[in-house]
Structure formats: structure tokens, C-alpha cells
Protein backbone atom coordinates (compact mmCIF):
# COMPACT_ATOMS: atom_id res chain seq x y z
CA MET A 1 -5.40 149.56 -17.37
CA ALA A 2 -7.87 151.54 -15.31
CA VAL A 3 -7.33 152.95 -11.87
CA HIS A 4 -9.80 153.55 -9.05
CA VAL A 5 -8.51 155.45 -5.99
CA ARG A 6 -10.87 155.42 -2.98
CA GLU A 7 -8.38 156.85 -0.52
CA HIS A 8 -5.71 159.33 -1.58
CA ARG A 9 -4.32 159.88 1.90
CA LEU A 10 -1.55 157.31 2.06
CA ARG A 11 1.95 157.97 3.40
CA TRP A 12 2.23 160.47 0.56
CA PRO A 13 -0.93 161.60 -1.22
CA VAL A 14 -1.76 159.58 -4.29
CA SER A 15 -1.55 161.88 -7.35
CA PRO A 16 -5.04 162.93 -8.64
CA GLN A 17 -3.57 162.55 -12.17
CA LEU A 18 -2.78 158.82 -11.66
CA LYS A 19 -6.11 157.67 -13.19
CA GLU A 20 -5.47 159.69 -16.34
CA LEU A 21 -1.74 158.78 -16.52
CA LEU A 22 -2.41 155.02 -16.56
CA ALA A 23 -5.74 154.85 -18.42
CA GLY A 24 -5.42 152.45 -21.38
CA HIS A 25 -1.68 151.71 -20.85
CA ARG A 26 -0.14 148.29 -20.42
CA VAL A 27 2.39 147.09 -17.85
CA HIS A 28 5.59 146.11 -19.73
CA GLN A 29 7.55 144.75 -16.82
CA VAL A 30 7.31 144.16 -13.13
CA GLY A 31 10.45 144.81 -11.00
CA ARG A 32 11.60 145.75 -7.56
CA ARG A 33 13.94 148.28 -5.95
CA ALA A 34 14.51 147.89 -2.20
CA LYS A 35 10.99 147.69 -0.71
CA TYR A 36 9.29 149.24 -3.77
CA VAL A 37 7.30 147.18 -6.31
CA LEU A 38 7.94 148.76 -9.76
CA LEU A 39 5.34 148.51 -12.52
CA GLU A 40 7.08 149.62 -15.71
CA PHE A 41 4.93 151.33 -18.39
CA GLY A 42 6.09 152.71 -21.67
CA HIS A 43 5.92 156.33 -20.41
CA GLY A 44 6.99 155.90 -16.82
CA THR A 45 7.03 153.73 -13.68
CA LEU A 46 4.56 153.28 -10.86
CA ALA A 47 6.42 152.66 -7.59
CA ILE A 48 4.35 150.92 -4.91
CA HIS A 49 5.39 150.67 -1.24
CA LEU A 50 3.35 148.38 0.98
CA GLY A 51 4.28 150.12 4.25
CA MET A 52 3.87 148.04 7.38
CA SER A 53 0.46 146.56 6.73
CA GLY A 54 -0.24 146.91 3.02
CA SER A 55 -0.89 144.07 0.59
CA LEU A 56 -1.66 143.58 -3.12
CA ARG A 57 -4.12 140.83 -4.05
CA LEU A 58 -5.77 139.73 -7.28
CA SER A 59 -9.51 140.00 -7.24
CA THR A 60 -12.35 140.59 -9.74
CA CYS A 61 -14.37 143.65 -10.65
CA GLN A 62 -17.42 141.87 -9.17
CA SER A 63 -15.74 141.63 -5.78
CA ALA A 64 -16.88 144.47 -3.49
CA PRO A 65 -14.01 146.45 -1.92
CA GLY A 66 -13.52 146.25 1.79
CA LYS A 67 -12.98 149.02 4.31
CA HIS A 68 -9.24 149.27 3.78
CA ASP A 69 -9.16 148.58 -0.02
CA HIS A 70 -7.80 151.96 -1.13
CA VAL A 71 -6.59 151.50 -4.71
CA ASP A 72 -7.70 149.22 -7.60
CA LEU A 73 -5.59 148.63 -10.70
CA VAL A 74 -7.99 147.11 -13.20
CA LEU A 75 -6.29 144.74 -15.63
CA GLU A 76 -7.60 142.84 -18.62
CA GLU A 77 -10.64 140.58 -18.43
CA GLY A 78 -11.93 142.18 -15.24
CA THR A 79 -9.03 141.19 -13.04
CA VAL A 80 -8.19 143.71 -10.27
CA LEU A 81 -4.93 144.21 -8.47
CA ARG A 82 -6.30 145.55 -5.17
CA TYR A 83 -4.29 147.43 -2.59
CA ASN A 84 -5.31 147.00 1.00
CA ASP A 85 -3.67 148.91 3.83
CA PRO A 86 -5.26 149.36 7.28
CA ARG A 87 -2.60 151.77 8.52
CA ARG A 88 -2.17 153.68 5.22
CA PHE A 89 1.65 153.77 5.54
CA GLY A 90 2.10 152.64 1.96
CA ALA A 91 2.53 154.68 -1.21
CA PHE A 92 1.67 154.90 -4.92
CA LEU A 93 4.26 157.15 -6.62
CA TRP A 94 4.48 157.97 -10.32
CA LEU A 95 7.92 158.44 -11.97
CA SER A 96 7.55 159.91 -15.41
CA GLY A 97 9.95 158.63 -18.07
CA ASN A 98 10.48 162.13 -19.60
CA HIS A 99 10.26 164.49 -16.57
CA PRO A 100 10.66 162.39 -13.41
CA ASP A 101 9.46 163.92 -10.14
CA PRO A 102 12.67 164.88 -8.20
CA PHE A 103 11.11 163.68 -4.93
CA VAL A 104 10.26 160.20 -6.24
CA LYS A 105 13.53 159.89 -8.17
CA ASN A 106 15.49 160.80 -5.00
CA LEU A 107 13.64 158.18 -3.00
CA LEU A 108 14.64 155.41 -5.39
CA ASP A 109 18.16 156.71 -6.19
CA HIS A 110 19.19 156.93 -2.55
CA GLN A 111 18.40 153.35 -1.74
CA GLY A 112 21.39 151.11 -0.85
CA VAL A 113 22.50 148.09 -2.83
CA GLU A 114 20.30 145.01 -3.00
CA PRO A 115 21.03 142.65 -0.10
CA LEU A 116 20.84 139.56 -2.38
CA GLY A 117 22.61 141.15 -5.27
CA PRO A 118 26.26 140.73 -6.43
CA ILE A 119 27.51 144.16 -5.33
CA LEU A 120 27.10 143.49 -1.62
CA THR A 121 30.22 141.78 -0.25
CA GLY A 122 32.05 141.98 3.06
CA ASP A 123 34.87 143.93 1.40
CA TRP A 124 32.47 146.43 -0.14
CA LEU A 125 30.64 147.04 3.10
CA TRP A 126 33.84 147.35 5.08
CA GLU A 127 35.16 149.98 2.63
CA ARG A 128 31.87 151.92 2.69
CA THR A 129 31.84 152.25 6.48
CA ARG A 130 35.44 153.17 7.36
CA ALA A 131 34.47 156.63 8.52
CA ARG A 132 31.07 155.78 10.00
CA GLN A 133 30.79 156.04 13.77
CA MET A 134 27.05 155.20 13.91
CA ALA A 135 25.90 151.91 15.42
CA VAL A 136 25.88 149.04 12.93
CA LYS A 137 22.20 148.29 13.59
CA GLN A 138 21.30 151.90 12.72
CA MET A 139 23.35 151.69 9.52
CA LEU A 140 21.39 148.66 8.42
CA LEU A 141 18.03 150.27 9.15
CA ALA A 142 18.95 153.51 7.35
CA GLY A 143 19.01 151.62 4.07
CA LYS A 144 21.58 153.92 2.44
CA GLU A 145 24.26 151.17 2.21
CA VAL A 146 22.09 148.05 2.10
CA ALA A 147 18.42 148.31 1.08
CA GLY A 148 15.49 146.47 2.55
CA VAL A 149 16.89 145.04 5.81
CA GLY A 150 14.09 145.86 8.28
CA ASN A 151 14.08 145.87 12.03
CA ILE A 152 13.34 142.18 12.53
CA TYR A 153 15.98 141.01 10.09
CA ALA A 154 18.64 143.43 11.25
CA SER A 155 18.44 141.95 14.76
CA GLU A 156 18.56 138.39 13.46
CA CYS A 157 21.44 139.09 11.05
CA LEU A 158 23.59 140.74 13.70
CA PHE A 159 22.98 137.80 16.09
CA ARG A 160 24.03 135.22 13.51
CA ALA A 161 27.14 137.29 12.67
CA GLY A 162 27.99 137.67 16.40
CA ILE A 163 28.09 141.49 16.15
CA HIS A 164 26.76 143.72 18.95
CA PRO A 165 24.07 146.12 17.60
CA LEU A 166 25.71 149.12 19.32
CA ARG A 167 29.15 148.51 17.86
CA PRO A 168 30.26 151.49 15.64
CA CYS A 169 30.54 150.60 11.94
CA ALA A 170 34.17 151.73 11.79
CA ARG A 171 35.16 149.33 14.56
CA ILE A 172 34.03 146.18 12.73
CA SER A 173 36.73 144.19 10.89
CA ARG A 174 36.66 143.21 7.25
CA GLN A 175 36.26 139.55 8.26
CA ARG A 176 33.25 140.26 10.50
CA TYR A 177 31.61 142.25 7.71
CA GLY A 178 32.00 139.16 5.59
CA SER A 179 30.09 137.24 8.25
CA LEU A 180 27.44 139.91 8.38
CA VAL A 181 26.89 139.83 4.62
CA HIS A 182 26.65 136.03 4.79
CA SER A 183 24.03 136.31 7.61
CA ILE A 184 22.02 138.91 5.67
CA ARG A 185 21.74 136.65 2.66
CA GLU A 186 20.99 133.61 4.88
CA VAL A 187 18.31 135.26 6.97
CA LEU A 188 16.50 137.01 4.07
CA SER A 189 16.56 133.84 1.92
CA GLU A 190 15.09 131.78 4.80
CA ALA A 191 12.44 134.47 5.47
CA ILE A 192 11.41 134.52 1.81
CA VAL A 193 10.93 130.73 1.75
CA GLN A 194 8.90 130.91 4.94
CA GLY A 195 6.71 133.74 3.78
CA GLY A 196 8.09 136.48 6.04
CA SER A 197 7.25 137.19 9.70
CA THR A 198 3.66 137.65 10.77
CA LEU A 199 3.59 139.46 14.11
CA ARG A 200 0.30 141.31 13.78
CA ASP A 201 -1.45 141.67 10.38
CA PHE A 202 1.15 140.79 7.78
CA VAL A 203 0.00 138.32 5.13
CA ASP A 204 1.17 137.46 1.67
CA SER A 205 -0.61 138.19 -1.60
CA ALA A 206 -2.84 135.15 -1.07
CA GLY A 207 -3.82 136.20 2.45
CA ARG A 208 -1.61 133.61 4.15
CA ALA A 209 0.44 134.40 7.24
CA GLY A 210 4.22 133.94 7.16
CA TYR A 211 5.95 131.69 9.71
CA PHE A 212 9.57 132.92 9.89
CA GLN A 213 8.70 134.34 13.33
CA ASN A 214 8.88 130.73 14.54
CA ALA A 215 12.61 130.78 13.61
CA HIS A 216 13.47 134.09 15.32
CA ARG A 217 16.55 133.58 17.48
CA VAL A 218 16.52 136.96 19.27
CA TYR A 219 13.71 139.20 17.95
CA GLY A 220 10.87 139.47 20.48
CA ARG A 221 12.59 137.05 22.90
CA GLU A 222 13.55 139.45 25.73
CA GLY A 223 14.36 137.48 28.94
CA GLN A 224 14.23 134.09 27.19
CA PRO A 225 17.43 132.01 27.03
CA CYS A 226 19.70 132.43 23.99
CA LEU A 227 19.34 129.41 21.76
CA ARG A 228 23.13 129.30 21.40
CA CYS A 229 24.55 129.96 24.87
CA GLY A 230 21.58 130.08 27.25
CA ALA A 231 22.13 133.67 28.43
CA PRO A 232 19.00 135.81 28.66
CA ILE A 233 18.16 137.82 25.50
CA ARG A 234 18.25 141.55 26.10
CA MET A 235 16.25 144.40 24.54
CA ILE A 236 17.32 148.00 24.06
CA ARG A 237 15.94 150.99 22.16
CA GLN A 238 17.85 152.42 19.23
CA GLY A 239 16.39 155.37 17.34
CA GLN A 240 12.91 154.60 18.71
CA ARG A 241 13.12 151.04 17.42
CA SER A 242 13.53 147.96 19.67
CA THR A 243 16.61 145.81 19.30
CA TRP A 244 17.07 142.30 20.67
CA TYR A 245 20.52 140.71 21.13
CA CYS A 246 22.58 138.28 23.25
CA ALA A 247 25.26 140.11 25.29
CA ARG A 248 27.33 136.95 25.47
CA CYS A 249 27.26 135.91 21.81
CA GLN A 250 27.40 139.37 20.23
CA ARG A 251 30.52 141.47 20.81
């Protein structure tokens, strides 16, 4: 593999040693942790975060890079895995196998459990939040208990589970946490099948827009009738993020 970095100023600066670290090495395995894509090498791991507007697309060495094409990972036979990110909120972080960077290791180690994995159950989440007085929506966004549930999907999951976004975690019953976990799995699985939600500039690896936004039941629908009960959808601000919910359906 060869690496070409045209813009080092991402969310965290791209290491100037990355080109040397990866030169001539092969990717052994591709994985994921929360919202990080993990490229496993024999001597370490490259963790890639796409931020809000980043994308990875396969191209060729003959294809000229565009304005926002910041990093090229050159594979065999001239194939290029090209990172495009207009807002530069993404990251390329190296985690050495022998002497891991404490900052990068801490980022990955402090992610919550995988939302579609076997650990996450209603009982597990109920036990983890017995002493938590923070609002349940904020708990989901923090990612320390459950990884990868972003703002759109947190609003949609809470609506399907019938839980008010301002309700303190400790005041949610074991049964309702079971409903929330079911909703998390349901919403994320549907979104994956439908290619995600394209609200502005999100596209998949082939440049295609997602269409899960057409299935949103509360997100972005302030003032419109609830699809379940007809009451107007409301919008509030939580931690500088917008939250949509139905005051009648969510308690």
C-alpha cells in the first residue's frame, strides 16, 4: 500500500508518519468499531472516521483528485481508496500494535457496546443506567453505553419505543428498555437496508443517496401530524442538538 495525504487538517491532524508506516504493507482484515472503519495491518490498525460528510470510494490512479479528496490509499493494480470530506470532520488515526497511542486507544476503548451485537439487551441497558439522571436521548448520543446511535436514529428509536427524550435514564423501566433495544435494532437495520439518511450531502461508497429519510416518523417533521396519533410533532434542543418527538405518544 502507498498513501498520499493532500490535506492533513482533518478533525485531528493526520500523522506525517502515516505514509512511511503503511508503505508496502498489506491490509489483513477490515472491521468496524462504533463509527470507525478499521483497517488491520500486521503491525497496527488504521482507524478511519468519516465524520458528517466523509466518504470512501474506489477509484484509479489515473483519476484526478477533486477539491475535497484529502487522502488516497493506493492498493494493488492501481486501485485507489479515496477519502473525500468537504467539512473535514473525519479522521485517520494510527494505532500501533506494539506501542498504541493512548489518545487513539482511549477513543476506541471508551465506545459503548455495538447496537446490533449480542451484549445489548433491555436488561443490560437497564442495569447500566440505574444511577443515571441524564436524559435518555443524551445517553444514546454520548455513545458510552451504546455506540453509533446518532441524532437522527436516537429520535426515531425513542419514538418507536414510546419514550420521551427528556425522561431520566433511571426512571425508565426494565420493560421499556427492552422496547428501546428492540427499536434500536429495528431502526438501524431498516436504515442500513435503505442506505442511510441523506439530508444534505451524505452518499454511500458508490455516490448514491440514501432514502431512509423518507421513512422518518419524527425527525425533521416539526409541526406535522404524528403518523401514529395525529398530534403535532414537537422539536426541542438538547445539548445543542435538535430532538423531535410526539408529546402524546412518548411519555
